[in-house]
Amino acid sequence: MKQSIHPNWYPEATVTCACGNTWKTGATVAEIRTDICSACHPFFTGEQRIVDTEGQVDRFLKRLQVRDNKRAEQQQRDAAREPENAPISEFGLERKFVSALNEAGYQTAGDLVRLLTERGEEALLDVAGIGRKAVADVKKALASRGFELPSADTAG
């Protein structure tokens, strides 16, 4: 063993707790101070002095509530937006159909609803580049957004 590299050993070191409890032990320092010991720790005493007033589950539920509130506010904003002013490019139609409709002057959902209501499917078929598939896709997109369209029998 090397000489002079080991700390001094105190076989009768005094440990003093913040609660006032003291005891002797062996240590490399003569006096030790601690904040908590077996005489005052809640596990050993059976007392629950430190109480978690808001648990992890409660915090998680609060975050869920905040998320739900934000979603509800977003849905209200979406519902308050004029659906007739929604651009047809948001309908998920094929790009060539959107381009053809835009070139013919139909930019919004309201434009298409008025066209189908007043003049029927045939007016939409008269647009260059629009066929039966495009008409079906447009009607499906409008219906999914809550627009009421005339049936093929009553149009015209």
N, C-alpha and C. Protein backbone atom coordinates (compact mmCIF):
# COMPACT_ATOMS: atom_id res chain seq x y z
N MET A 1 0.83 -1.18 0.00
CA MET A 1 0.00 0.00 0.00
C MET A 1 0.88 1.25 0.00
N LYS A 2 0.45 2.25 -0.75
CA LYS A 2 1.20 3.49 -0.80
C LYS A 2 0.95 4.28 0.48
N GLN A 3 1.94 4.98 0.90
CA GLN A 3 1.84 5.79 2.11
C GLN A 3 1.27 7.17 1.79
N SER A 4 0.53 7.75 2.69
CA SER A 4 0.03 9.13 2.67
C SER A 4 -0.98 9.41 1.55
N ILE A 5 -1.64 8.41 1.05
CA ILE A 5 -2.67 8.69 0.04
C ILE A 5 -4.07 8.41 0.58
N HIS A 6 -4.19 7.76 1.72
CA HIS A 6 -5.49 7.41 2.26
C HIS A 6 -5.97 8.47 3.24
N PRO A 7 -7.29 8.77 3.26
CA PRO A 7 -7.81 9.78 4.20
C PRO A 7 -7.78 9.23 5.63
N ASN A 8 -7.88 10.15 6.58
CA ASN A 8 -7.94 9.75 7.98
C ASN A 8 -9.28 9.08 8.27
N TRP A 9 -9.27 8.08 9.12
CA TRP A 9 -10.48 7.35 9.49
C TRP A 9 -10.87 7.73 10.90
N TYR A 10 -12.16 8.11 11.06
CA TYR A 10 -12.70 8.46 12.37
C TYR A 10 -13.70 7.39 12.76
N PRO A 11 -13.33 6.47 13.67
CA PRO A 11 -14.24 5.39 14.03
C PRO A 11 -15.44 5.87 14.85
N GLU A 12 -15.35 7.05 15.45
CA GLU A 12 -16.44 7.59 16.26
C GLU A 12 -16.96 8.91 15.70
N ALA A 13 -17.19 8.97 14.40
CA ALA A 13 -17.72 10.19 13.78
C ALA A 13 -19.17 10.38 14.20
N THR A 14 -19.56 11.63 14.43
CA THR A 14 -20.90 11.95 14.89
C THR A 14 -21.75 12.39 13.70
N VAL A 15 -22.94 11.76 13.57
CA VAL A 15 -23.91 12.13 12.52
C VAL A 15 -25.03 12.88 13.21
N THR A 16 -25.34 14.08 12.71
CA THR A 16 -26.40 14.90 13.30
C THR A 16 -27.45 15.19 12.23
N CYS A 17 -28.72 14.87 12.53
CA CYS A 17 -29.82 15.11 11.61
C CYS A 17 -30.47 16.46 11.91
N ALA A 18 -31.18 17.01 10.96
CA ALA A 18 -31.88 18.28 11.13
C ALA A 18 -32.99 18.15 12.17
N CYS A 19 -33.50 16.93 12.40
CA CYS A 19 -34.55 16.74 13.39
C CYS A 19 -33.99 16.68 14.82
N GLY A 20 -32.66 16.63 14.94
CA GLY A 20 -32.04 16.61 16.27
C GLY A 20 -31.48 15.24 16.65
N ASN A 21 -31.77 14.23 15.93
CA ASN A 21 -31.28 12.87 16.21
C ASN A 21 -29.79 12.81 15.91
N THR A 22 -29.01 12.13 16.79
CA THR A 22 -27.57 11.96 16.56
C THR A 22 -27.20 10.51 16.81
N TRP A 23 -26.12 10.05 16.16
CA TRP A 23 -25.59 8.71 16.37
C TRP A 23 -24.13 8.69 15.94
N LYS A 24 -23.44 7.65 16.27
CA LYS A 24 -22.02 7.50 15.97
C LYS A 24 -21.85 6.46 14.87
N THR A 25 -20.86 6.70 14.02
CA THR A 25 -20.52 5.76 12.95
C THR A 25 -19.07 5.97 12.55
N GLY A 26 -18.54 5.13 11.72
CA GLY A 26 -17.20 5.32 11.21
C GLY A 26 -17.27 6.09 9.91
N ALA A 27 -16.34 7.05 9.71
CA ALA A 27 -16.35 7.88 8.51
C ALA A 27 -14.99 8.50 8.30
N THR A 28 -14.83 9.14 7.16
CA THR A 28 -13.57 9.82 6.84
C THR A 28 -13.58 11.28 7.28
N VAL A 29 -14.72 11.75 7.82
CA VAL A 29 -14.82 13.09 8.40
C VAL A 29 -15.31 12.95 9.83
N ALA A 30 -14.96 13.90 10.68
CA ALA A 30 -15.29 13.78 12.10
C ALA A 30 -16.76 14.05 12.39
N GLU A 31 -17.41 14.91 11.57
CA GLU A 31 -18.82 15.26 11.83
C GLU A 31 -19.58 15.29 10.51
N ILE A 32 -20.78 14.69 10.52
CA ILE A 32 -21.64 14.65 9.33
C ILE A 32 -22.99 15.25 9.69
N ARG A 33 -23.50 16.13 8.83
CA ARG A 33 -24.83 16.71 9.04
C ARG A 33 -25.72 16.22 7.89
N THR A 34 -26.96 15.81 8.22
CA THR A 34 -27.91 15.33 7.21
C THR A 34 -29.28 15.98 7.43
N ASP A 35 -30.08 16.03 6.39
CA ASP A 35 -31.40 16.66 6.47
C ASP A 35 -32.47 15.69 6.95
N ILE A 36 -32.28 14.41 6.72
CA ILE A 36 -33.32 13.44 7.04
C ILE A 36 -32.67 12.13 7.50
N CYS A 37 -33.32 11.45 8.42
CA CYS A 37 -32.79 10.17 8.93
C CYS A 37 -33.95 9.21 9.18
N SER A 38 -33.64 8.04 9.72
CA SER A 38 -34.69 7.04 9.95
C SER A 38 -35.66 7.48 11.04
N ALA A 39 -35.28 8.42 11.86
CA ALA A 39 -36.19 8.89 12.90
C ALA A 39 -37.23 9.87 12.38
N CYS A 40 -36.94 10.51 11.25
CA CYS A 40 -37.89 11.50 10.73
C CYS A 40 -38.37 11.21 9.31
N HIS A 41 -37.85 10.20 8.64
CA HIS A 41 -38.26 9.87 7.28
C HIS A 41 -39.67 9.27 7.29
N PRO A 42 -40.56 9.71 6.37
CA PRO A 42 -41.95 9.21 6.36
C PRO A 42 -42.05 7.70 6.19
N PHE A 43 -41.14 7.07 5.48
CA PHE A 43 -41.19 5.63 5.30
C PHE A 43 -41.05 4.90 6.64
N PHE A 44 -40.15 5.39 7.49
CA PHE A 44 -39.90 4.75 8.77
C PHE A 44 -40.89 5.17 9.85
N THR A 45 -41.39 6.41 9.76
CA THR A 45 -42.31 6.90 10.79
C THR A 45 -43.76 6.56 10.49
N GLY A 46 -44.09 6.29 9.23
CA GLY A 46 -45.47 6.00 8.87
C GLY A 46 -46.27 7.25 8.62
N GLU A 47 -45.70 8.43 8.79
CA GLU A 47 -46.38 9.69 8.53
C GLU A 47 -46.16 10.10 7.08
N GLN A 48 -47.15 10.69 6.49
CA GLN A 48 -47.01 11.21 5.14
C GLN A 48 -47.04 12.72 5.24
N ARG A 49 -45.88 13.32 5.48
CA ARG A 49 -45.82 14.77 5.63
C ARG A 49 -45.74 15.48 4.29
N ILE A 50 -45.07 14.88 3.35
CA ILE A 50 -44.95 15.47 2.02
C ILE A 50 -45.99 14.80 1.14
N VAL A 51 -47.01 15.56 0.77
CA VAL A 51 -48.11 15.01 -0.01
C VAL A 51 -48.08 15.62 -1.40
N ASP A 52 -48.11 14.77 -2.42
CA ASP A 52 -48.19 15.24 -3.79
C ASP A 52 -49.64 15.65 -4.03
N THR A 53 -49.91 16.95 -4.06
CA THR A 53 -51.29 17.42 -4.18
C THR A 53 -51.86 17.20 -5.56
N GLU A 54 -51.00 17.14 -6.56
CA GLU A 54 -51.49 16.94 -7.92
C GLU A 54 -50.65 15.84 -8.56
N GLY A 55 -51.25 14.68 -8.73
CA GLY A 55 -50.51 13.54 -9.25
C GLY A 55 -50.29 13.61 -10.75
N GLN A 56 -49.52 12.67 -11.25
CA GLN A 56 -49.21 12.63 -12.67
C GLN A 56 -50.45 12.38 -13.51
N VAL A 57 -51.35 11.56 -13.02
CA VAL A 57 -52.58 11.28 -13.77
C VAL A 57 -53.40 12.55 -13.93
N ASP A 58 -53.50 13.34 -12.85
CA ASP A 58 -54.26 14.59 -12.92
C ASP A 58 -53.63 15.55 -13.93
N ARG A 59 -52.31 15.65 -13.92
CA ARG A 59 -51.64 16.54 -14.88
C ARG A 59 -51.88 16.05 -16.31
N PHE A 60 -51.83 14.74 -16.51
CA PHE A 60 -52.08 14.17 -17.83
C PHE A 60 -53.51 14.47 -18.29
N LEU A 61 -54.47 14.30 -17.39
CA LEU A 61 -55.86 14.57 -17.75
C LEU A 61 -56.06 16.05 -18.07
N LYS A 62 -55.36 16.92 -17.38
CA LYS A 62 -55.46 18.35 -17.69
C LYS A 62 -54.92 18.63 -19.09
N ARG A 63 -53.80 17.98 -19.45
CA ARG A 63 -53.26 18.18 -20.80
C ARG A 63 -54.23 17.67 -21.85
N LEU A 64 -54.88 16.55 -21.59
CA LEU A 64 -55.88 16.04 -22.53
C LEU A 64 -57.03 17.03 -22.68
N GLN A 65 -57.45 17.61 -21.57
CA GLN A 65 -58.55 18.58 -21.61
C GLN A 65 -58.15 19.80 -22.43
N VAL A 66 -56.92 20.27 -22.26
CA VAL A 66 -56.44 21.41 -23.04
C VAL A 66 -56.44 21.06 -24.52
N ARG A 67 -55.97 19.85 -24.86
CA ARG A 67 -55.94 19.41 -26.25
C ARG A 67 -57.36 19.36 -26.82
N ASP A 68 -58.30 18.79 -26.06
CA ASP A 68 -59.68 18.71 -26.52
C ASP A 68 -60.29 20.08 -26.72
N ASN A 69 -59.97 21.02 -25.81
CA ASN A 69 -60.49 22.38 -25.95
C ASN A 69 -59.95 23.04 -27.21
N LYS A 70 -58.66 22.84 -27.50
CA LYS A 70 -58.08 23.42 -28.71
C LYS A 70 -58.73 22.83 -29.96
N ARG A 71 -58.97 21.51 -29.94
CA ARG A 71 -59.62 20.88 -31.09
C ARG A 71 -61.03 21.43 -31.29
N ALA A 72 -61.77 21.61 -30.19
CA ALA A 72 -63.13 22.14 -30.29
C ALA A 72 -63.12 23.56 -30.84
N GLU A 73 -62.16 24.37 -30.39
CA GLU A 73 -62.06 25.74 -30.90
C GLU A 73 -61.75 25.74 -32.39
N GLN A 74 -60.86 24.84 -32.82
CA GLN A 74 -60.52 24.76 -34.24
C GLN A 74 -61.73 24.33 -35.07
N GLN A 75 -62.50 23.38 -34.56
CA GLN A 75 -63.70 22.95 -35.27
C GLN A 75 -64.71 24.07 -35.37
N GLN A 76 -64.84 24.89 -34.31
CA GLN A 76 -65.76 26.02 -34.36
C GLN A 76 -65.30 27.04 -35.40
N ARG A 77 -63.98 27.28 -35.45
CA ARG A 77 -63.46 28.21 -36.45
C ARG A 77 -63.71 27.69 -37.86
N ASP A 78 -63.51 26.38 -38.03
CA ASP A 78 -63.74 25.78 -39.35
C ASP A 78 -65.21 25.86 -39.74
N ALA A 79 -66.10 25.61 -38.77
CA ALA A 79 -67.53 25.66 -39.05
C ALA A 79 -67.99 27.09 -39.33
N ALA A 80 -67.35 28.06 -38.68
CA ALA A 80 -67.74 29.46 -38.86
C ALA A 80 -67.27 30.00 -40.21
N ARG A 81 -66.26 29.38 -40.77
CA ARG A 81 -65.76 29.82 -42.08
C ARG A 81 -66.85 29.57 -43.12
N GLU A 82 -66.98 30.49 -44.04
CA GLU A 82 -68.00 30.36 -45.08
C GLU A 82 -67.68 29.14 -45.94
N PRO A 83 -68.49 28.08 -45.88
CA PRO A 83 -68.19 26.90 -46.69
C PRO A 83 -68.35 27.16 -48.18
N GLU A 84 -69.20 28.10 -48.54
CA GLU A 84 -69.39 28.39 -49.96
C GLU A 84 -68.17 29.09 -50.55
N ASN A 85 -67.35 29.69 -49.70
CA ASN A 85 -66.16 30.38 -50.18
C ASN A 85 -64.94 29.47 -50.20
N ALA A 86 -65.12 28.19 -49.85
CA ALA A 86 -64.00 27.25 -49.85
C ALA A 86 -63.54 27.03 -51.28
N PRO A 87 -62.26 27.18 -51.55
CA PRO A 87 -61.77 26.96 -52.92
C PRO A 87 -61.89 25.49 -53.31
N ILE A 88 -62.18 25.26 -54.57
CA ILE A 88 -62.35 23.87 -55.01
C ILE A 88 -61.04 23.10 -55.01
N SER A 89 -59.94 23.81 -54.90
CA SER A 89 -58.64 23.12 -54.83
C SER A 89 -58.48 22.34 -53.53
N GLU A 90 -59.33 22.64 -52.53
CA GLU A 90 -59.27 21.94 -51.24
C GLU A 90 -60.12 20.67 -51.24
N PHE A 91 -60.79 20.37 -52.32
CA PHE A 91 -61.72 19.24 -52.36
C PHE A 91 -61.05 17.90 -52.59
N GLY A 92 -59.79 17.90 -52.95
CA GLY A 92 -59.11 16.64 -53.22
C GLY A 92 -59.39 16.10 -54.62
N LEU A 93 -59.83 16.97 -55.50
CA LEU A 93 -60.08 16.57 -56.89
C LEU A 93 -58.75 16.48 -57.64
N GLU A 94 -58.78 15.77 -58.75
CA GLU A 94 -57.58 15.70 -59.58
C GLU A 94 -57.23 17.09 -60.09
N ARG A 95 -55.94 17.33 -60.22
CA ARG A 95 -55.46 18.65 -60.59
C ARG A 95 -56.01 19.12 -61.95
N LYS A 96 -56.14 18.19 -62.89
CA LYS A 96 -56.64 18.59 -64.22
C LYS A 96 -58.10 19.04 -64.15
N PHE A 97 -58.89 18.43 -63.23
CA PHE A 97 -60.28 18.86 -63.08
C PHE A 97 -60.35 20.24 -62.44
N VAL A 98 -59.51 20.46 -61.44
CA VAL A 98 -59.49 21.77 -60.78
C VAL A 98 -59.08 22.85 -61.78
N SER A 99 -58.07 22.57 -62.58
CA SER A 99 -57.62 23.55 -63.59
C SER A 99 -58.73 23.84 -64.59
N ALA A 100 -59.42 22.81 -65.05
CA ALA A 100 -60.50 23.00 -66.02
C ALA A 100 -61.62 23.84 -65.42
N LEU A 101 -61.97 23.55 -64.19
CA LEU A 101 -63.04 24.32 -63.54
C LEU A 101 -62.62 25.77 -63.32
N ASN A 102 -61.38 25.97 -62.90
CA ASN A 102 -60.89 27.34 -62.67
C ASN A 102 -60.87 28.13 -63.98
N GLU A 103 -60.45 27.50 -65.07
CA GLU A 103 -60.42 28.18 -66.36
C GLU A 103 -61.83 28.56 -66.82
N ALA A 104 -62.81 27.75 -66.42
CA ALA A 104 -64.20 28.04 -66.81
C ALA A 104 -64.84 29.07 -65.86
N GLY A 105 -64.10 29.51 -64.84
CA GLY A 105 -64.60 30.55 -63.95
C GLY A 105 -65.22 30.04 -62.66
N TYR A 106 -65.06 28.78 -62.36
CA TYR A 106 -65.62 28.21 -61.14
C TYR A 106 -64.48 28.03 -60.14
N GLN A 107 -64.46 28.91 -59.13
CA GLN A 107 -63.35 28.93 -58.17
C GLN A 107 -63.71 28.33 -56.81
N THR A 108 -64.97 28.45 -56.42
CA THR A 108 -65.36 28.08 -55.05
C THR A 108 -66.47 27.04 -55.06
N ALA A 109 -66.72 26.50 -53.88
CA ALA A 109 -67.80 25.52 -53.72
C ALA A 109 -69.14 26.16 -54.07
N GLY A 110 -69.32 27.41 -53.68
CA GLY A 110 -70.57 28.11 -53.98
C GLY A 110 -70.83 28.21 -55.48
N ASP A 111 -69.76 28.44 -56.25
CA ASP A 111 -69.91 28.51 -57.71
C ASP A 111 -70.44 27.19 -58.26
N LEU A 112 -69.87 26.09 -57.79
CA LEU A 112 -70.29 24.78 -58.29
C LEU A 112 -71.70 24.42 -57.84
N VAL A 113 -72.05 24.76 -56.59
CA VAL A 113 -73.40 24.46 -56.10
C VAL A 113 -74.43 25.24 -56.90
N ARG A 114 -74.16 26.52 -57.16
CA ARG A 114 -75.10 27.33 -57.96
C ARG A 114 -75.24 26.76 -59.37
N LEU A 115 -74.12 26.36 -59.97
CA LEU A 115 -74.16 25.80 -61.31
C LEU A 115 -75.00 24.52 -61.34
N LEU A 116 -74.75 23.62 -60.40
CA LEU A 116 -75.49 22.36 -60.39
C LEU A 116 -76.96 22.57 -60.03
N THR A 117 -77.25 23.52 -59.17
CA THR A 117 -78.63 23.77 -58.76
C THR A 117 -79.42 24.44 -59.88
N GLU A 118 -78.82 25.43 -60.52
CA GLU A 118 -79.54 26.20 -61.52
C GLU A 118 -79.60 25.51 -62.88
N ARG A 119 -78.49 24.87 -63.30
CA ARG A 119 -78.43 24.36 -64.66
C ARG A 119 -78.22 22.86 -64.75
N GLY A 120 -77.88 22.20 -63.65
CA GLY A 120 -77.76 20.75 -63.63
C GLY A 120 -76.39 20.24 -64.05
N GLU A 121 -76.29 18.93 -64.09
CA GLU A 121 -75.02 18.26 -64.41
C GLU A 121 -74.56 18.55 -65.83
N GLU A 122 -75.51 18.74 -66.73
CA GLU A 122 -75.16 18.95 -68.14
C GLU A 122 -74.32 20.22 -68.30
N ALA A 123 -74.60 21.24 -67.49
CA ALA A 123 -73.81 22.47 -67.57
C ALA A 123 -72.38 22.21 -67.15
N LEU A 124 -72.20 21.35 -66.17
CA LEU A 124 -70.86 21.01 -65.72
C LEU A 124 -70.14 20.16 -66.76
N LEU A 125 -70.90 19.31 -67.45
CA LEU A 125 -70.31 18.48 -68.50
C LEU A 125 -69.90 19.31 -69.72
N ASP A 126 -70.51 20.50 -69.87
CA ASP A 126 -70.16 21.37 -70.99
C ASP A 126 -68.78 22.01 -70.82
N VAL A 127 -68.24 21.98 -69.58
CA VAL A 127 -66.91 22.55 -69.33
C VAL A 127 -65.87 21.64 -69.98
N ALA A 128 -64.96 22.24 -70.74
CA ALA A 128 -63.92 21.47 -71.43
C ALA A 128 -63.05 20.74 -70.40
N GLY A 129 -62.86 19.43 -70.61
CA GLY A 129 -62.01 18.64 -69.72
C GLY A 129 -62.76 17.99 -68.58
N ILE A 130 -64.07 18.20 -68.51
CA ILE A 130 -64.86 17.62 -67.42
C ILE A 130 -65.76 16.54 -68.01
N GLY A 131 -65.63 15.36 -67.44
CA GLY A 131 -66.46 14.23 -67.88
C GLY A 131 -67.31 13.72 -66.72
N ARG A 132 -67.92 12.56 -66.94
CA ARG A 132 -68.80 11.97 -65.92
C ARG A 132 -68.06 11.68 -64.60
N LYS A 133 -66.81 11.21 -64.71
CA LYS A 133 -66.04 10.91 -63.51
C LYS A 133 -65.81 12.19 -62.69
N ALA A 134 -65.47 13.27 -63.37
CA ALA A 134 -65.24 14.54 -62.68
C ALA A 134 -66.52 15.04 -62.02
N VAL A 135 -67.65 14.91 -62.73
CA VAL A 135 -68.93 15.34 -62.16
C VAL A 135 -69.23 14.53 -60.90
N ALA A 136 -69.02 13.22 -60.96
CA ALA A 136 -69.27 12.37 -59.79
C ALA A 136 -68.35 12.75 -58.64
N ASP A 137 -67.08 13.01 -58.94
CA ASP A 137 -66.13 13.41 -57.89
C ASP A 137 -66.51 14.75 -57.27
N VAL A 138 -66.95 15.70 -58.10
CA VAL A 138 -67.35 17.02 -57.60
C VAL A 138 -68.57 16.89 -56.70
N LYS A 139 -69.56 16.13 -57.16
CA LYS A 139 -70.77 15.95 -56.35
C LYS A 139 -70.46 15.26 -55.03
N LYS A 140 -69.58 14.26 -55.07
CA LYS A 140 -69.20 13.55 -53.85
C LYS A 140 -68.48 14.49 -52.89
N ALA A 141 -67.58 15.32 -53.41
CA ALA A 141 -66.84 16.27 -52.57
C ALA A 141 -67.77 17.29 -51.95
N LEU A 142 -68.71 17.79 -52.74
CA LEU A 142 -69.67 18.78 -52.21
C LEU A 142 -70.58 18.15 -51.16
N ALA A 143 -71.03 16.93 -51.42
CA ALA A 143 -71.91 16.26 -50.46
C ALA A 143 -71.17 15.97 -49.15
N SER A 144 -69.89 15.62 -49.25
CA SER A 144 -69.13 15.33 -48.02
C SER A 144 -68.92 16.58 -47.17
N ARG A 145 -69.04 17.74 -47.79
CA ARG A 145 -68.91 18.99 -47.04
C ARG A 145 -70.27 19.54 -46.60
N GLY A 146 -71.31 18.78 -46.82
CA GLY A 146 -72.62 19.16 -46.30
C GLY A 146 -73.50 19.94 -47.26
N PHE A 147 -73.11 20.06 -48.50
CA PHE A 147 -73.94 20.76 -49.48
C PHE A 147 -75.02 19.83 -49.99
N GLU A 148 -76.25 20.36 -50.10
CA GLU A 148 -77.35 19.58 -50.65
C GLU A 148 -77.45 19.88 -52.14
N LEU A 149 -77.37 18.83 -52.91
CA LEU A 149 -77.41 18.99 -54.36
C LEU A 149 -78.68 18.33 -54.91
N PRO A 150 -79.19 18.86 -56.00
CA PRO A 150 -80.36 18.22 -56.61
C PRO A 150 -79.97 16.88 -57.23
N SER A 151 -80.88 15.97 -57.24
CA SER A 151 -80.60 14.67 -57.87
C SER A 151 -80.64 14.85 -59.38
N ALA A 152 -80.16 13.87 -60.12
CA ALA A 152 -80.09 13.96 -61.59
C ALA A 152 -81.49 14.06 -62.20
N ASP A 153 -82.49 13.49 -61.50
CA ASP A 153 -83.86 13.49 -62.04
C ASP A 153 -84.50 14.87 -62.00
N THR A 154 -84.18 15.65 -60.91
CA THR A 154 -84.84 16.94 -60.73
C THR A 154 -84.06 18.10 -61.27
N ALA A 155 -82.81 17.89 -61.71
CA ALA A 155 -81.99 19.00 -62.21
C ALA A 155 -82.43 19.38 -63.61
N GLY A 156 -82.24 20.65 -63.95
CA GLY A 156 -82.43 21.08 -65.32
C GLY A 156 -83.70 21.77 -65.49
